[in-house]
Amino acid sequence: MNTLFVYNKKAGKKFKPSIVNVITELLPNSMEFSFIDIRELETLDVAIYDTLVAIGGDGTVNTVAKLAMEYDKTLGIIPKGSGDGLARFLGISRDVREAVDSLLQGKVISIDTATVDDVFFVNVAGAGFEAEVAHKFGAEGIRGLKGYAKTVLGSFKGRNEQEVTLTLDGKKTTLPFFSLSIANGAQWGNNFEIASAADIQDGLLDIAIMRKPKWYQILGLISFLRSKKQENNALFTYYKASEIDLKRSGKLWHIDGEPLILKNKKHVILYPKSLKTLVPK
């Protein structure tokens, strides 16, 4: 197994170069491997590698996963980001030793991927409030749970609900939304789940439409997102679909936590079991 480890110096609160040495010491002598910074990845021929391992957060995983799918390689993850939503969902430990063990002793499964207007994602894409938070979070450069909390609170007051029209596998519906998630995996990150029923191998995306909570509902909302029991209620409406069209969702989006501008109508397509991924046994 010839493995390429892709690290991201900008992932998480602070990248520690020593992670390369730590991982190297955990690998068997017989294993062929290389390390590369993600900014050098575009110029590298990955055809010689069997496995591409992302060392970083969901944004790093997105970049490496897209390449792994395009070249029919296997994706591995060593989570070192601030949220690590996909890794947590797949049960991959944030402890480096345990994550490396999952690479060496784990099993390969095939997971779904998706695109929003041809932009690849593997975990969660979203619009509305959560996208605004992602844009501000990226611009302010604050990392970690405290950084998220500060950005969330700062963005909450100024955003109002708007109407979105969804066409879900050909069926149209219009409803108000404050935040909108299209979930392949279940987590935003930091063990906050937006769609506990999400199955990354079922050929369906989970769509979570959130109304704007009142101030007195926020503590209950946090508890709900930690409960792993998401279902329709006063604040949330859930749907499942494999193909989605959206009108009036706004131009601010995030793709696996990374801010993005998408204009006009949006078209979302799911690609069933299109990515081989290493997970713990």
Protein backbone atom coordinates (compact mmCIF):
# COMPACT_ATOMS: atom_id res chain seq x y z
CA MET A 1 0.00 0.00 0.00
CA ASN A 2 1.60 3.24 -1.19
CA THR A 3 0.11 6.06 0.86
CA LEU A 4 0.16 9.83 0.45
CA PHE A 5 -0.40 11.89 3.60
CA VAL A 6 -1.72 15.39 2.89
CA TYR A 7 -1.37 17.87 5.74
CA ASN A 8 -2.72 21.39 6.05
CA LYS A 9 -0.62 23.90 7.96
CA LYS A 10 -3.69 26.08 8.43
CA ALA A 11 -6.01 23.43 9.88
CA GLY A 12 -7.27 23.73 13.45
CA LYS A 13 -6.02 26.22 16.02
CA LYS A 14 -2.36 25.72 15.18
CA PHE A 15 -0.61 23.23 12.93
CA LYS A 16 2.29 21.44 14.59
CA PRO A 17 4.95 20.23 12.14
CA SER A 18 5.86 17.51 14.63
CA ILE A 19 2.69 15.64 13.58
CA VAL A 20 4.62 14.37 10.53
CA ASN A 21 7.25 12.80 12.79
CA VAL A 22 4.63 11.38 15.14
CA ILE A 23 2.76 9.68 12.29
CA THR A 24 5.97 8.43 10.68
CA GLU A 25 7.01 6.70 13.91
CA LEU A 26 3.66 4.88 14.02
CA LEU A 27 3.94 3.46 10.49
CA PRO A 28 5.50 0.05 9.76
CA ASN A 29 8.94 0.00 8.12
CA SER A 30 7.57 -1.97 5.18
CA MET A 31 5.05 0.73 4.26
CA GLU A 32 5.64 3.08 1.33
CA PHE A 33 4.48 6.63 2.08
CA SER A 34 5.04 10.32 1.39
CA PHE A 35 3.94 13.60 3.00
CA ILE A 36 2.91 16.76 1.17
CA ASP A 37 1.34 20.12 2.05
CA ILE A 38 -2.11 20.56 0.55
CA ARG A 39 -0.96 23.63 -1.41
CA GLU A 40 1.43 21.41 -3.39
CA LEU A 41 -1.20 18.80 -4.19
CA GLU A 42 -2.33 20.28 -7.51
CA THR A 43 1.06 19.68 -9.15
CA LEU A 44 1.48 16.11 -7.88
CA ASP A 45 0.64 12.99 -9.88
CA VAL A 46 -1.33 10.85 -7.42
CA ALA A 47 -1.68 7.88 -9.77
CA ILE A 48 1.11 5.95 -7.99
CA TYR A 49 -0.69 6.04 -4.62
CA ASP A 50 -3.31 3.61 -3.37
CA THR A 51 -4.51 5.67 -0.41
CA LEU A 52 -4.76 9.44 0.11
CA VAL A 53 -4.86 10.47 3.77
CA ALA A 54 -6.14 13.89 4.83
CA ILE A 55 -4.48 15.31 7.97
CA GLY A 56 -6.66 18.27 8.93
CA GLY A 57 -10.26 19.40 9.22
CA ASP A 58 -13.33 19.02 7.03
CA GLY A 59 -12.01 21.45 4.42
CA THR A 60 -8.82 19.42 4.02
CA VAL A 61 -10.86 16.21 3.92
CA ASN A 62 -13.04 17.71 1.17
CA THR A 63 -10.02 18.47 -1.04
CA VAL A 64 -8.41 15.07 -0.56
CA ALA A 65 -11.71 13.18 -0.86
CA LYS A 66 -12.49 14.83 -4.19
CA LEU A 67 -9.12 13.75 -5.55
CA ALA A 68 -9.52 10.24 -4.15
CA MET A 69 -12.90 9.87 -5.86
CA GLU A 70 -11.64 11.23 -9.19
CA TYR A 71 -8.65 8.87 -9.26
CA ASP A 72 -10.44 5.87 -7.66
CA LYS A 73 -8.19 5.93 -4.58
CA THR A 74 -9.05 5.14 -0.98
CA LEU A 75 -9.56 8.04 1.45
CA GLY A 76 -8.06 7.99 4.93
CA ILE A 77 -8.52 10.65 7.63
CA ILE A 78 -6.38 11.79 10.55
CA PRO A 79 -8.58 14.51 12.06
CA LYS A 80 -6.71 17.64 13.12
CA GLY A 81 -9.27 20.37 12.46
CA SER A 82 -11.53 22.43 14.67
CA GLY A 83 -14.82 20.61 14.02
CA ASP A 84 -13.93 17.32 12.28
CA GLY A 85 -17.56 16.57 11.48
CA LEU A 86 -17.00 13.74 8.99
CA ALA A 87 -14.32 12.01 11.06
CA ARG A 88 -16.51 12.09 14.17
CA PHE A 89 -19.46 10.75 12.17
CA LEU A 90 -17.37 7.88 10.80
CA GLY A 91 -16.06 7.03 14.27
CA ILE A 92 -12.45 8.02 13.53
CA SER A 93 -10.63 9.00 16.70
CA ARG A 94 -9.07 12.44 17.07
CA ASP A 95 -6.19 10.76 18.90
CA VAL A 96 -3.38 10.44 16.35
CA ARG A 97 -2.28 6.97 17.45
CA GLU A 98 -5.82 5.60 17.25
CA ALA A 99 -6.47 7.31 13.91
CA VAL A 100 -3.30 5.80 12.42
CA ASP A 101 -4.34 2.40 13.77
CA SER A 102 -7.64 2.80 11.89
CA LEU A 103 -5.66 3.38 8.71
CA LEU A 104 -3.55 0.26 9.25
CA GLN A 105 -6.15 -2.08 10.74
CA GLY A 106 -9.47 -0.59 9.60
CA LYS A 107 -11.88 -1.62 6.89
CA VAL A 108 -12.76 0.01 3.57
CA ILE A 109 -16.35 1.06 2.93
CA SER A 110 -17.88 2.91 -0.01
CA ILE A 111 -19.66 6.15 0.92
CA ASP A 112 -21.89 8.56 -0.96
CA THR A 113 -20.70 11.96 -2.19
CA ALA A 114 -22.59 14.90 -3.66
CA THR A 115 -22.27 18.18 -5.55
CA VAL A 116 -23.94 21.58 -5.31
CA ASP A 117 -23.75 23.16 -8.76
CA ASP A 118 -20.83 20.83 -9.56
CA VAL A 119 -19.01 21.79 -6.32
CA PHE A 120 -18.06 18.58 -4.51
CA PHE A 121 -18.95 17.84 -0.90
CA VAL A 122 -18.79 14.75 1.25
CA ASN A 123 -20.24 15.77 4.64
CA VAL A 124 -22.57 18.79 4.87
CA ALA A 125 -23.38 21.76 2.64
CA GLY A 126 -25.61 24.59 3.77
CA ALA A 127 -27.11 28.04 3.31
CA GLY A 128 -28.66 30.75 5.46
CA PHE A 129 -27.42 31.31 9.00
CA GLU A 130 -24.89 28.47 9.03
CA ALA A 131 -23.34 29.73 5.79
CA GLU A 132 -23.10 33.26 7.19
CA VAL A 133 -21.32 31.86 10.24
CA ALA A 134 -18.90 29.95 7.99
CA HIS A 135 -18.11 33.12 6.02
CA LYS A 136 -17.52 35.20 9.15
CA PHE A 137 -15.62 32.41 10.86
CA GLY A 138 -13.27 32.15 7.89
CA ALA A 139 -12.80 35.91 7.61
CA GLU A 140 -12.04 36.38 11.31
CA GLY A 141 -9.59 33.46 11.40
CA ILE A 142 -10.77 32.28 14.84
CA ARG A 143 -10.59 28.51 15.41
CA GLY A 144 -12.04 26.08 17.94
CA LEU A 145 -15.37 25.75 19.74
CA LYS A 146 -15.08 29.13 21.48
CA GLY A 147 -14.47 30.79 18.14
CA TYR A 148 -17.58 29.16 16.70
CA ALA A 149 -19.68 30.22 19.68
CA LYS A 150 -18.54 33.84 19.42
CA THR A 151 -19.26 33.97 15.70
CA VAL A 152 -22.66 32.27 16.09
CA LEU A 153 -23.81 34.72 18.75
CA GLY A 154 -22.53 37.69 16.79
CA SER A 155 -24.39 36.62 13.64
CA PHE A 156 -27.69 35.54 15.19
CA LYS A 157 -29.33 38.90 15.82
CA GLY A 158 -28.99 40.36 12.33
CA ARG A 159 -30.34 37.47 10.24
CA ASN A 160 -34.04 36.92 9.57
CA GLU A 161 -35.98 34.11 7.97
CA GLN A 162 -36.59 34.00 4.24
CA GLU A 163 -38.50 31.67 1.93
CA VAL A 164 -36.87 28.89 -0.05
CA THR A 165 -38.41 26.69 -2.72
CA LEU A 166 -37.16 23.10 -2.78
CA THR A 167 -37.78 20.53 -5.46
CA LEU A 168 -36.96 17.17 -3.88
CA ASP A 169 -36.81 14.29 -6.38
CA GLY A 170 -39.39 16.18 -8.46
CA LYS A 171 -41.72 17.25 -5.62
CA LYS A 172 -41.85 21.02 -4.96
CA THR A 173 -42.35 22.71 -1.58
CA THR A 174 -41.91 26.30 -0.35
CA LEU A 175 -41.27 27.15 3.28
CA PRO A 176 -39.49 29.69 5.51
CA PHE A 177 -35.97 28.98 6.67
CA PHE A 178 -33.33 30.51 8.89
CA SER A 179 -30.68 27.87 8.24
CA LEU A 180 -30.63 25.07 5.67
CA SER A 181 -28.42 21.97 5.77
CA ILE A 182 -27.95 19.30 3.13
CA ALA A 183 -26.43 16.45 5.10
CA ASN A 184 -24.62 13.42 3.75
CA GLY A 185 -23.04 12.82 7.15
CA ALA A 186 -24.82 13.78 10.35
CA GLN A 187 -22.54 16.37 11.93
CA TRP A 188 -21.69 20.03 11.55
CA GLY A 189 -18.71 19.24 13.80
CA ASN A 190 -17.76 19.32 17.51
CA ASN A 191 -20.41 16.61 18.03
CA PHE A 192 -23.24 18.96 17.04
CA GLU A 193 -25.50 16.81 14.85
CA ILE A 194 -27.89 18.36 12.36
CA ALA A 195 -29.31 15.14 10.91
CA SER A 196 -29.02 12.09 13.16
CA ALA A 197 -30.87 9.90 10.64
CA ALA A 198 -28.25 10.53 7.95
CA ASP A 199 -26.74 7.39 6.46
CA ILE A 200 -23.69 8.06 4.30
CA GLN A 201 -24.29 4.84 2.34
CA ASP A 202 -28.05 4.98 1.70
CA GLY A 203 -28.09 6.92 -1.58
CA LEU A 204 -30.04 9.78 -0.01
CA LEU A 205 -29.27 13.23 1.38
CA ASP A 206 -30.97 14.52 4.52
CA ILE A 207 -32.28 18.09 4.24
CA ALA A 208 -32.73 19.97 7.52
CA ILE A 209 -34.73 23.23 7.41
CA MET A 210 -34.43 25.28 10.58
CA ARG A 211 -36.69 28.16 11.63
CA LYS A 212 -35.23 31.06 13.58
CA PRO A 213 -35.39 30.23 17.29
CA LYS A 214 -36.53 32.69 19.91
CA TRP A 215 -33.93 33.62 22.51
CA TYR A 216 -35.64 31.41 25.08
CA GLN A 217 -35.40 28.42 22.68
CA ILE A 218 -31.62 28.55 22.18
CA LEU A 219 -30.64 26.36 25.15
CA GLY A 220 -33.17 23.78 24.03
CA LEU A 221 -31.80 23.99 20.49
CA ILE A 222 -28.26 23.29 21.71
CA SER A 223 -29.53 20.30 23.66
CA PHE A 224 -31.43 19.10 20.57
CA LEU A 225 -28.30 19.29 18.40
CA ARG A 226 -26.43 17.23 21.01
CA SER A 227 -29.22 14.68 21.41
CA LYS A 228 -28.61 12.56 18.29
CA LYS A 229 -32.41 12.32 18.03
CA GLN A 230 -33.30 14.83 15.33
CA GLU A 231 -36.89 14.77 14.12
CA ASN A 232 -39.55 17.21 12.93
CA ASN A 233 -40.54 19.76 15.57
CA ALA A 234 -41.38 23.46 15.95
CA LEU A 235 -37.92 24.51 14.72
CA PHE A 236 -36.93 21.76 12.27
CA THR A 237 -38.41 20.10 9.22
CA TYR A 238 -36.56 17.15 7.66
CA TYR A 239 -36.66 15.63 4.20
CA LYS A 240 -34.71 12.99 2.27
CA ALA A 241 -33.87 13.11 -1.43
CA SER A 242 -31.17 12.17 -3.93
CA GLU A 243 -31.64 15.18 -6.23
CA ILE A 244 -32.52 18.69 -5.08
CA ASP A 245 -33.23 22.01 -6.76
CA LEU A 246 -33.29 25.21 -4.67
CA LYS A 247 -34.60 28.70 -5.45
CA ARG A 248 -34.03 31.75 -3.23
CA SER A 249 -31.62 29.98 -0.89
CA GLY A 250 -29.23 32.95 -1.02
CA LYS A 251 -25.73 33.27 -2.45
CA LEU A 252 -23.85 32.59 0.80
CA TRP A 253 -23.11 28.86 1.13
CA HIS A 254 -20.66 26.63 2.90
CA ILE A 255 -19.33 23.36 1.49
CA ASP A 256 -17.99 21.06 4.22
CA GLY A 257 -17.57 24.14 6.41
CA GLU A 258 -15.70 26.21 3.82
CA PRO A 259 -17.38 29.49 2.72
CA LEU A 260 -18.48 29.77 -0.90
CA ILE A 261 -20.52 32.13 -3.08
CA LEU A 262 -23.12 30.37 -5.27
CA LYS A 263 -25.47 32.49 -7.36
CA ASN A 264 -28.89 31.85 -8.93
CA LYS A 265 -30.66 28.48 -8.61
CA LYS A 266 -28.81 25.57 -7.00
CA HIS A 267 -28.83 21.97 -8.20
CA VAL A 268 -27.71 19.18 -5.84
CA ILE A 269 -26.91 15.66 -7.01
CA LEU A 270 -25.92 12.64 -4.94
CA TYR A 271 -23.46 10.01 -6.20
CA PRO A 272 -24.10 6.71 -4.37
CA LYS A 273 -21.14 4.82 -2.91
CA SER A 274 -18.66 6.75 -5.06
CA LEU A 275 -15.79 7.07 -2.57
CA LYS A 276 -13.79 4.30 -0.90
CA THR A 277 -13.01 5.28 2.71
CA LEU A 278 -11.03 3.73 5.56
CA VAL A 279 -12.94 3.52 8.86
CA PRO A 280 -12.36 1.67 12.16
CA LYS A 281 -13.45 -1.98 12.27
